[in-house]
PDB file of N, CA and C in Angstrom:
ATOM      1  N   UNK A   1       0.837  -1.184   0.000  1.00  0.00           N
ATOM      2  CA  UNK A   1       0.000   0.000   0.000  1.00  0.00           C
ATOM      3  C   UNK A   1       0.880   1.244   0.000  1.00  0.00           C
ATOM      4  N   UNK A   2       0.577   2.178  -0.845  1.00  0.00           N
ATOM      5  CA  UNK A   2       1.344   3.412  -0.915  1.00  0.00           C
ATOM      6  C   UNK A   2       0.926   4.363   0.185  1.00  0.00           C
ATOM      7  N   UNK A   3       1.918   4.913   0.855  1.00  0.00           N
ATOM      8  CA  UNK A   3       1.656   5.920   1.865  1.00  0.00           C
ATOM      9  C   UNK A   3       1.882   7.279   1.223  1.00  0.00           C
ATOM     10  N   UNK A   4       0.915   8.151   1.334  1.00  0.00           N
ATOM     11  CA  UNK A   4       1.050   9.478   0.754  1.00  0.00           C
ATOM     12  C   UNK A   4       1.809  10.375   1.710  1.00  0.00           C
ATOM     13  N   UNK A   5       2.802  11.047   1.182  1.00  0.00           N
ATOM     14  CA  UNK A   5       3.576  11.990   1.964  1.00  0.00           C
ATOM     15  C   UNK A   5       3.210  13.390   1.485  1.00  0.00           C
ATOM     16  N   UNK A   6       3.089  14.329   2.407  1.00  0.00           N
ATOM     17  CA  UNK A   6       2.655  15.679   2.009  1.00  0.00           C
ATOM     18  C   UNK A   6       3.567  16.304   0.961  1.00  0.00           C
ATOM     19  N   UNK A   7       4.909  16.162   1.112  1.00  0.00           N
ATOM     20  CA  UNK A   7       5.802  16.784   0.139  1.00  0.00           C
ATOM     21  C   UNK A   7       5.660  16.134  -1.233  1.00  0.00           C
ATOM     22  N   UNK A   8       5.352  14.841  -1.270  1.00  0.00           N
ATOM     23  CA  UNK A   8       5.166  14.145  -2.544  1.00  0.00           C
ATOM     24  C   UNK A   8       3.917  14.656  -3.239  1.00  0.00           C
ATOM     25  N   UNK A   9       2.825  14.737  -2.520  1.00  0.00           N
ATOM     26  CA  UNK A   9       1.573  15.159  -3.136  1.00  0.00           C
ATOM     27  C   UNK A   9       1.641  16.611  -3.587  1.00  0.00           C
ATOM     28  N   UNK A  10       2.328  17.466  -2.839  1.00  0.00           N
ATOM     29  CA  UNK A  10       2.456  18.866  -3.235  1.00  0.00           C
ATOM     30  C   UNK A  10       3.274  18.989  -4.517  1.00  0.00           C
ATOM     31  N   UNK A  11       4.353  18.217  -4.616  1.00  0.00           N
ATOM     32  CA  UNK A  11       5.182  18.252  -5.824  1.00  0.00           C
ATOM     33  C   UNK A  11       4.395  17.746  -7.023  1.00  0.00           C
ATOM     34  N   UNK A  12       3.676  16.644  -6.849  1.00  0.00           N
ATOM     35  CA  UNK A  12       2.885  16.102  -7.951  1.00  0.00           C
ATOM     36  C   UNK A  12       1.784  17.077  -8.354  1.00  0.00           C
ATOM     37  N   UNK A  13       1.134  17.667  -7.368  1.00  0.00           N
ATOM     38  CA  UNK A  13       0.062  18.623  -7.665  1.00  0.00           C
ATOM     39  C   UNK A  13       0.605  19.821  -8.437  1.00  0.00           C
ATOM     40  N   UNK A  14       1.773  20.306  -8.049  1.00  0.00           N
ATOM     41  CA  UNK A  14       2.389  21.432  -8.744  1.00  0.00           C
ATOM     42  C   UNK A  14       2.701  21.061 -10.196  1.00  0.00           C
ATOM     43  N   UNK A  15       3.239  19.847 -10.406  1.00  0.00           N
ATOM     44  CA  UNK A  15       3.564  19.422 -11.769  1.00  0.00           C
ATOM     45  C   UNK A  15       2.312  19.227 -12.616  1.00  0.00           C
ATOM     46  N   UNK A  16       1.252  18.671 -12.027  1.00  0.00           N
ATOM     47  CA  UNK A  16      -0.003  18.517 -12.776  1.00  0.00           C
ATOM     48  C   UNK A  16      -0.582  19.871 -13.168  1.00  0.00           C
ATOM     49  N   UNK A  17      -0.522  20.847 -12.253  1.00  0.00           N
ATOM     50  CA  UNK A  17      -1.027  22.188 -12.572  1.00  0.00           C
ATOM     51  C   UNK A  17      -0.185  22.834 -13.678  1.00  0.00           C
ATOM     52  N   UNK A  18       1.138  22.639 -13.605  1.00  0.00           N
ATOM     53  CA  UNK A  18       2.007  23.189 -14.642  1.00  0.00           C
ATOM     54  C   UNK A  18       1.706  22.543 -15.990  1.00  0.00           C
ATOM     55  N   UNK A  19       1.487  21.225 -15.992  1.00  0.00           N
ATOM     56  CA  UNK A  19       1.139  20.520 -17.226  1.00  0.00           C
ATOM     57  C   UNK A  19      -0.159  21.070 -17.796  1.00  0.00           C
ATOM     58  N   UNK A  20      -1.152  21.283 -16.952  1.00  0.00           N
ATOM     59  CA  UNK A  20      -2.443  21.797 -17.403  1.00  0.00           C
ATOM     60  C   UNK A  20      -2.287  23.187 -18.015  1.00  0.00           C
ATOM     61  N   UNK A  21      -1.521  24.067 -17.353  1.00  0.00           N
ATOM     62  CA  UNK A  21      -1.316  25.424 -17.875  1.00  0.00           C
ATOM     63  C   UNK A  21      -0.579  25.407 -19.207  1.00  0.00           C
ATOM     64  N   UNK A  22       0.446  24.559 -19.310  1.00  0.00           N
ATOM     65  CA  UNK A  22       1.224  24.499 -20.551  1.00  0.00           C
ATOM     66  C   UNK A  22       0.368  23.971 -21.686  1.00  0.00           C
ATOM     67  N   UNK A  23      -0.433  22.946 -21.413  1.00  0.00           N
ATOM     68  CA  UNK A  23      -1.246  22.351 -22.473  1.00  0.00           C
ATOM     69  C   UNK A  23      -2.370  23.263 -22.939  1.00  0.00           C
ATOM     70  N   UNK A  24      -2.826  24.176 -22.084  1.00  0.00           N
ATOM     71  CA  UNK A  24      -3.852  25.124 -22.514  1.00  0.00           C
ATOM     72  C   UNK A  24      -3.324  26.054 -23.602  1.00  0.00           C
ATOM     73  N   UNK A  25      -2.032  26.395 -23.537  1.00  0.00           N
ATOM     74  CA  UNK A  25      -1.441  27.341 -24.481  1.00  0.00           C
ATOM     75  C   UNK A  25      -1.055  26.703 -25.810  1.00  0.00           C
ATOM     76  N   UNK A  26      -0.917  25.389 -25.845  1.00  0.00           N
ATOM     77  CA  UNK A  26      -0.416  24.715 -27.039  1.00  0.00           C
ATOM     78  C   UNK A  26      -1.577  24.064 -27.786  1.00  0.00           C
ATOM     79  N   UNK A  27      -1.686  24.331 -29.078  1.00  0.00           N
ATOM     80  CA  UNK A  27      -2.763  23.699 -29.859  1.00  0.00           C
ATOM     81  C   UNK A  27      -2.476  22.206 -30.058  1.00  0.00           C
ATOM     82  N   UNK A  28      -3.515  21.480 -30.478  1.00  0.00           N
ATOM     83  CA  UNK A  28      -3.382  20.056 -30.743  1.00  0.00           C
ATOM     84  C   UNK A  28      -2.285  19.815 -31.778  1.00  0.00           C
ATOM     85  N   UNK A  29      -1.569  18.709 -31.624  1.00  0.00           N
ATOM     86  CA  UNK A  29      -0.572  18.364 -32.626  1.00  0.00           C
ATOM     87  C   UNK A  29       0.681  17.781 -32.024  1.00  0.00           C
ATOM     88  N   UNK A  30       1.728  17.803 -32.830  1.00  0.00           N
ATOM     89  CA  UNK A  30       2.987  17.167 -32.454  1.00  0.00           C
ATOM     90  C   UNK A  30       3.668  17.881 -31.290  1.00  0.00           C
ATOM     91  N   UNK A  31       3.624  19.196 -31.293  1.00  0.00           N
ATOM     92  CA  UNK A  31       4.250  19.964 -30.202  1.00  0.00           C
ATOM     93  C   UNK A  31       3.592  19.644 -28.871  1.00  0.00           C
ATOM     94  N   UNK A  32       2.285  19.547 -28.868  1.00  0.00           N
ATOM     95  CA  UNK A  32       1.546  19.215 -27.642  1.00  0.00           C
ATOM     96  C   UNK A  32       1.943  17.832 -27.145  1.00  0.00           C
ATOM     97  N   UNK A  33       2.099  16.897 -28.063  1.00  0.00           N
ATOM     98  CA  UNK A  33       2.482  15.537 -27.697  1.00  0.00           C
ATOM     99  C   UNK A  33       3.877  15.528 -27.049  1.00  0.00           C
ATOM    100  N   UNK A  34       4.817  16.306 -27.629  1.00  0.00           N
ATOM    101  CA  UNK A  34       6.173  16.373 -27.063  1.00  0.00           C
ATOM    102  C   UNK A  34       6.156  16.981 -25.665  1.00  0.00           C
ATOM    103  N   UNK A  35       5.378  18.027 -25.469  1.00  0.00           N
ATOM    104  CA  UNK A  35       5.292  18.670 -24.156  1.00  0.00           C
ATOM    105  C   UNK A  35       4.695  17.703 -23.143  1.00  0.00           C
ATOM    106  N   UNK A  36       3.652  16.989 -23.554  1.00  0.00           N
ATOM    107  CA  UNK A  36       3.031  16.016 -22.642  1.00  0.00           C
ATOM    108  C   UNK A  36       4.027  14.926 -22.258  1.00  0.00           C
ATOM    109  N   UNK A  37       4.784  14.408 -23.205  1.00  0.00           N
ATOM    110  CA  UNK A  37       5.758  13.363 -22.917  1.00  0.00           C
ATOM    111  C   UNK A  37       6.843  13.864 -21.965  1.00  0.00           C
ATOM    112  N   UNK A  38       7.298  15.109 -22.172  1.00  0.00           N
ATOM    113  CA  UNK A  38       8.321  15.673 -21.291  1.00  0.00           C
ATOM    114  C   UNK A  38       7.797  15.814 -19.863  1.00  0.00           C
ATOM    115  N   UNK A  39       6.568  16.301 -19.713  1.00  0.00           N
ATOM    116  CA  UNK A  39       5.990  16.473 -18.383  1.00  0.00           C
ATOM    117  C   UNK A  39       5.725  15.120 -17.716  1.00  0.00           C
ATOM    118  N   UNK A  40       5.320  14.141 -18.485  1.00  0.00           N
ATOM    119  CA  UNK A  40       5.090  12.805 -17.927  1.00  0.00           C
ATOM    120  C   UNK A  40       6.413  12.230 -17.427  1.00  0.00           C
ATOM    121  N   UNK A  41       7.503  12.438 -18.178  1.00  0.00           N
ATOM    122  CA  UNK A  41       8.816  11.958 -17.719  1.00  0.00           C
ATOM    123  C   UNK A  41       9.219  12.659 -16.428  1.00  0.00           C
ATOM    124  N   UNK A  42       8.925  13.948 -16.311  1.00  0.00           N
ATOM    125  CA  UNK A  42       9.236  14.673 -15.079  1.00  0.00           C
ATOM    126  C   UNK A  42       8.457  14.102 -13.908  1.00  0.00           C
ATOM    127  N   UNK A  43       7.174  13.813 -14.120  1.00  0.00           N
ATOM    128  CA  UNK A  43       6.368  13.225 -13.051  1.00  0.00           C
ATOM    129  C   UNK A  43       6.901  11.857 -12.642  1.00  0.00           C
ATOM    130  N   UNK A  44       7.270  11.043 -13.611  1.00  0.00           N
ATOM    131  CA  UNK A  44       7.798   9.720 -13.297  1.00  0.00           C
ATOM    132  C   UNK A  44       9.123   9.827 -12.552  1.00  0.00           C
ATOM    133  N   UNK A  45       9.973  10.757 -12.945  1.00  0.00           N
ATOM    134  CA  UNK A  45      11.242  10.950 -12.260  1.00  0.00           C
ATOM    135  C   UNK A  45      11.012  11.408 -10.826  1.00  0.00           C
ATOM    136  N   UNK A  46      10.042  12.289 -10.634  1.00  0.00           N
ATOM    137  CA  UNK A  46       9.724  12.766  -9.285  1.00  0.00           C
ATOM    138  C   UNK A  46       9.223  11.619  -8.425  1.00  0.00           C
ATOM    139  N   UNK A  47       8.341  10.811  -8.966  1.00  0.00           N
ATOM    140  CA  UNK A  47       7.822   9.676  -8.202  1.00  0.00           C
ATOM    141  C   UNK A  47       8.929   8.697  -7.858  1.00  0.00           C
ATOM    142  N   UNK A  48       9.788   8.390  -8.813  1.00  0.00           N
ATOM    143  CA  UNK A  48      10.888   7.460  -8.563  1.00  0.00           C
ATOM    144  C   UNK A  48      11.849   7.991  -7.515  1.00  0.00           C
ATOM    145  N   UNK A  49      12.175   9.290  -7.609  1.00  0.00           N
ATOM    146  CA  UNK A  49      13.081   9.900  -6.634  1.00  0.00           C
ATOM    147  C   UNK A  49      12.471   9.855  -5.234  1.00  0.00           C
ATOM    148  N   UNK A  50      11.187  10.172  -5.133  1.00  0.00           N
ATOM    149  CA  UNK A  50      10.534  10.161  -3.830  1.00  0.00           C
ATOM    150  C   UNK A  50      10.472   8.758  -3.248  1.00  0.00           C
ATOM    151  N   UNK A  51      10.249   7.744  -4.077  1.00  0.00           N
ATOM    152  CA  UNK A  51      10.226   6.368  -3.579  1.00  0.00           C
ATOM    153  C   UNK A  51      11.596   5.961  -3.048  1.00  0.00           C
ATOM    154  N   UNK A  52      12.668   6.338  -3.768  1.00  0.00           N
ATOM    155  CA  UNK A  52      14.016   6.011  -3.302  1.00  0.00           C
ATOM    156  C   UNK A  52      14.326   6.745  -2.002  1.00  0.00           C
ATOM    157  N   UNK A  53      13.954   8.011  -1.934  1.00  0.00           N
ATOM    158  CA  UNK A  53      14.241   8.787  -0.724  1.00  0.00           C
ATOM    159  C   UNK A  53      13.430   8.301   0.471  1.00  0.00           C
ATOM    160  N   UNK A  54      12.213   7.803   0.233  1.00  0.00           N
ATOM    161  CA  UNK A  54      11.410   7.298   1.339  1.00  0.00           C
ATOM    162  C   UNK A  54      12.078   6.106   2.000  1.00  0.00           C
ATOM    163  N   UNK A  55      12.735   5.250   1.210  1.00  0.00           N
ATOM    164  CA  UNK A  55      13.468   4.118   1.791  1.00  0.00           C
ATOM    165  C   UNK A  55      14.604   4.581   2.670  1.00  0.00           C
ATOM    166  N   UNK A  56      15.315   5.612   2.234  1.00  0.00           N
ATOM    167  CA  UNK A  56      16.418   6.148   3.035  1.00  0.00           C
ATOM    168  C   UNK A  56      15.879   6.797   4.302  1.00  0.00           C
ATOM    169  N   UNK A  57      14.793   7.542   4.173  1.00  0.00           N
ATOM    170  CA  UNK A  57      14.206   8.198   5.343  1.00  0.00           C
ATOM    171  C   UNK A  57      13.746   7.170   6.376  1.00  0.00           C
ATOM    172  N   UNK A  58      13.148   6.080   5.904  1.00  0.00           N
ATOM    173  CA  UNK A  58      12.700   5.038   6.825  1.00  0.00           C
ATOM    174  C   UNK A  58      13.880   4.400   7.549  1.00  0.00           C
ATOM    175  N   UNK A  59      14.978   4.165   6.836  1.00  0.00           N
ATOM    176  CA  UNK A  59      16.138   3.565   7.491  1.00  0.00           C
ATOM    177  C   UNK A  59      16.721   4.505   8.543  1.00  0.00           C
ATOM    178  N   UNK A  60      16.703   5.816   8.279  1.00  0.00           N
ATOM    179  CA  UNK A  60      17.188   6.772   9.275  1.00  0.00           C
ATOM    180  C   UNK A  60      16.240   6.841  10.469  1.00  0.00           C
ATOM    181  N   UNK A  61      14.941   6.763  10.223  1.00  0.00           N
ATOM    182  CA  UNK A  61      13.984   6.837  11.324  1.00  0.00           C
ATOM    183  C   UNK A  61      14.057   5.606  12.218  1.00  0.00           C
ATOM    184  N   UNK A  62      14.424   4.452  11.649  1.00  0.00           N
ATOM    185  CA  UNK A  62      14.491   3.219  12.423  1.00  0.00           C
ATOM    186  C   UNK A  62      15.885   2.940  12.972  1.00  0.00           C
ATOM    187  N   UNK A  63      16.828   3.827  12.747  1.00  0.00           N
ATOM    188  CA  UNK A  63      18.210   3.594  13.164  1.00  0.00           C
ATOM    189  C   UNK A  63      18.362   3.753  14.669  1.00  0.00           C
ATOM    190  N   UNK A  64      19.180   2.868  15.234  1.00  0.00           N
ATOM    191  CA  UNK A  64      19.495   2.940  16.659  1.00  0.00           C
ATOM    192  C   UNK A  64      20.795   3.725  16.827  1.00  0.00           C
ATOM    193  N   UNK A  65      21.093   4.207  18.032  1.00  0.00           N
ATOM    194  CA  UNK A  65      22.303   5.017  18.239  1.00  0.00           C
ATOM    195  C   UNK A  65      23.596   4.307  17.817  1.00  0.00           C
ATOM    196  N   UNK A  66      23.713   3.013  18.089  1.00  0.00           N
ATOM    197  CA  UNK A  66      24.941   2.302  17.702  1.00  0.00           C
ATOM    198  C   UNK A  66      25.113   2.310  16.187  1.00  0.00           C
ATOM    199  N   UNK A  67      24.023   2.113  15.466  1.00  0.00           N
ATOM    200  CA  UNK A  67      24.084   2.122  14.007  1.00  0.00           C
ATOM    201  C   UNK A  67      24.474   3.514  13.509  1.00  0.00           C
ATOM    202  N   UNK A  68      23.952   4.543  14.127  1.00  0.00           N
ATOM    203  CA  UNK A  68      24.297   5.904  13.729  1.00  0.00           C
ATOM    204  C   UNK A  68      25.774   6.185  13.956  1.00  0.00           C
ATOM    205  N   UNK A  69      26.314   5.735  15.085  1.00  0.00           N
ATOM    206  CA  UNK A  69      27.729   5.945  15.364  1.00  0.00           C
ATOM    207  C   UNK A  69      28.605   5.198  14.371  1.00  0.00           C
ATOM    208  N   UNK A  70      28.176   4.005  13.962  1.00  0.00           N
ATOM    209  CA  UNK A  70      28.935   3.253  12.954  1.00  0.00           C
ATOM    210  C   UNK A  70      28.929   4.008  11.638  1.00  0.00           C
ATOM    211  N   UNK A  71      27.781   4.551  11.238  1.00  0.00           N
ATOM    212  CA  UNK A  71      27.698   5.333   9.999  1.00  0.00           C
ATOM    213  C   UNK A  71      28.586   6.567  10.068  1.00  0.00           C
ATOM    214  N   UNK A  72      28.554   7.267  11.202  1.00  0.00           N
ATOM    215  CA  UNK A  72      29.365   8.480  11.358  1.00  0.00           C
ATOM    216  C   UNK A  72      30.848   8.140  11.314  1.00  0.00           C
ATOM    217  N   UNK A  73      31.250   7.066  12.025  1.00  0.00           N
ATOM    218  CA  UNK A  73      32.657   6.672  12.036  1.00  0.00           C
ATOM    219  C   UNK A  73      33.122   6.238  10.651  1.00  0.00           C
ATOM    220  N   UNK A  74      32.283   5.506   9.957  1.00  0.00           N
ATOM    221  CA  UNK A  74      32.634   5.068   8.601  1.00  0.00           C
ATOM    222  C   UNK A  74      32.783   6.265   7.674  1.00  0.00           C
ATOM    223  N   UNK A  75      31.871   7.203   7.765  1.00  0.00           N
ATOM    224  CA  UNK A  75      31.949   8.403   6.937  1.00  0.00           C
ATOM    225  C   UNK A  75      33.159   9.255   7.256  1.00  0.00           C
ATOM    226  N   UNK A  76      33.563   9.276   8.529  1.00  0.00           N
ATOM    227  CA  UNK A  76      34.722  10.077   8.918  1.00  0.00           C
ATOM    228  C   UNK A  76      36.028   9.401   8.522  1.00  0.00           C
ATOM    229  N   UNK A  77      36.069   8.084   8.568  1.00  0.00           N
ATOM    230  CA  UNK A  77      37.309   7.365   8.283  1.00  0.00           C
ATOM    231  C   UNK A  77      37.516   7.081   6.799  1.00  0.00           C
ATOM    232  N   UNK A  78      36.476   7.083   6.024  1.00  0.00           N
ATOM    233  CA  UNK A  78      36.600   6.756   4.602  1.00  0.00           C
ATOM    234  C   UNK A  78      37.584   7.683   3.880  1.00  0.00           C
ATOM    235  N   UNK A  79      37.526   9.003   4.041  1.00  0.00           N
ATOM    236  CA  UNK A  79      38.501   9.858   3.340  1.00  0.00           C
ATOM    237  C   UNK A  79      39.942   9.579   3.765  1.00  0.00           C
ATOM    238  N   UNK A  80      40.144   9.278   5.038  1.00  0.00           N
ATOM    239  CA  UNK A  80      41.491   8.983   5.527  1.00  0.00           C
ATOM    240  C   UNK A  80      42.024   7.717   4.866  1.00  0.00           C
ATOM    241  N   UNK A  81      41.199   6.692   4.806  1.00  0.00           N
ATOM    242  CA  UNK A  81      41.610   5.429   4.192  1.00  0.00           C
ATOM    243  C   UNK A  81      41.906   5.630   2.707  1.00  0.00           C
ATOM    244  N   UNK A  82      41.028   6.340   1.994  1.00  0.00           N
ATOM    245  CA  UNK A  82      41.258   6.580   0.575  1.00  0.00           C
ATOM    246  C   UNK A  82      42.526   7.394   0.338  1.00  0.00           C
ATOM    247  N   UNK A  83      42.813   8.358   1.190  1.00  0.00           N
ATOM    248  CA  UNK A  83      44.031   9.149   1.057  1.00  0.00           C
ATOM    249  C   UNK A  83      45.268   8.284   1.295  1.00  0.00           C
ATOM    250  N   UNK A  84      45.222   7.413   2.297  1.00  0.00           N
ATOM    251  CA  UNK A  84      46.345   6.516   2.568  1.00  0.00           C
ATOM    252  C   UNK A  84      46.579   5.572   1.392  1.00  0.00           C
ATOM    253  N   UNK A  85      45.506   5.067   0.809  1.00  0.00           N
ATOM    254  CA  UNK A  85      45.644   4.183  -0.351  1.00  0.00           C
ATOM    255  C   UNK A  85      46.246   4.955  -1.525  1.00  0.00           C
ATOM    256  N   UNK A  86      45.825   6.194  -1.712  1.00  0.00           N
ATOM    257  CA  UNK A  86      46.366   7.026  -2.780  1.00  0.00           C
ATOM    258  C   UNK A  86      47.863   7.251  -2.590  1.00  0.00           C
ATOM    259  N   UNK A  87      48.273   7.590  -1.373  1.00  0.00           N
ATOM    260  CA  UNK A  87      49.689   7.815  -1.086  1.00  0.00           C
ATOM    261  C   UNK A  87      50.474   6.535  -1.307  1.00  0.00           C
ATOM    262  N   UNK A  88      49.963   5.420  -0.800  1.00  0.00           N
ATOM    263  CA  UNK A  88      50.649   4.136  -0.960  1.00  0.00           C
ATOM    264  C   UNK A  88      50.796   3.779  -2.434  1.00  0.00           C
ATOM    265  N   UNK A  89      49.744   3.973  -3.202  1.00  0.00           N
ATOM    266  CA  UNK A  89      49.803   3.639  -4.630  1.00  0.00           C
ATOM    267  C   UNK A  89      50.771   4.558  -5.366  1.00  0.00           C
ATOM    268  N   UNK A  90      50.792   5.851  -5.022  1.00  0.00           N
ATOM    269  CA  UNK A  90      51.709   6.765  -5.714  1.00  0.00           C
ATOM    270  C   UNK A  90      53.159   6.442  -5.345  1.00  0.00           C
ATOM    271  N   UNK A  91      53.445   6.025  -4.118  1.00  0.00           N
ATOM    272  CA  UNK A  91      54.792   5.623  -3.748  1.00  0.00           C
ATOM    273  C   UNK A  91      55.184   4.324  -4.435  1.00  0.00           C
ATOM    274  N   UNK A  92      54.232   3.436  -4.588  1.00  0.00           N
ATOM    275  CA  UNK A  92      54.497   2.154  -5.216  1.00  0.00           C
ATOM    276  C   UNK A  92      54.814   2.320  -6.702  1.00  0.00           C
ATOM    277  N   UNK A  93      54.144   3.287  -7.357  1.00  0.00           N
ATOM    278  CA  UNK A  93      54.336   3.512  -8.772  1.00  0.00           C
ATOM    279  C   UNK A  93      55.736   4.107  -9.024  1.00  0.00           C
ATOM    280  N   UNK A  94      56.211   4.953  -8.144  1.00  0.00           N
ATOM    281  CA  UNK A  94      57.531   5.554  -8.321  1.00  0.00           C
ATOM    282  C   UNK A  94      58.562   4.565  -8.069  1.00  0.00           C
TER     283      UNK A  94
END
């Protein structure tokens, strides 16, 4: 079952209103079809992005403090590890 999120519905509503306004100005024909296809792709991209972000938001909402500390430590140590690997590889190449 899909859960409606306020930010999702507002974004979709805004895009539908924009589509309606744009289509009122364009007469029937090929140009109208292209505009409709472009707006439909935008709506699909918005829906897909929101679905992906909802999964991330849920994982953050369900995270326990230990998991958060592991994420923070991993994020803090990753640049150090990558820099050390870079230095080691550049010394090895010389």
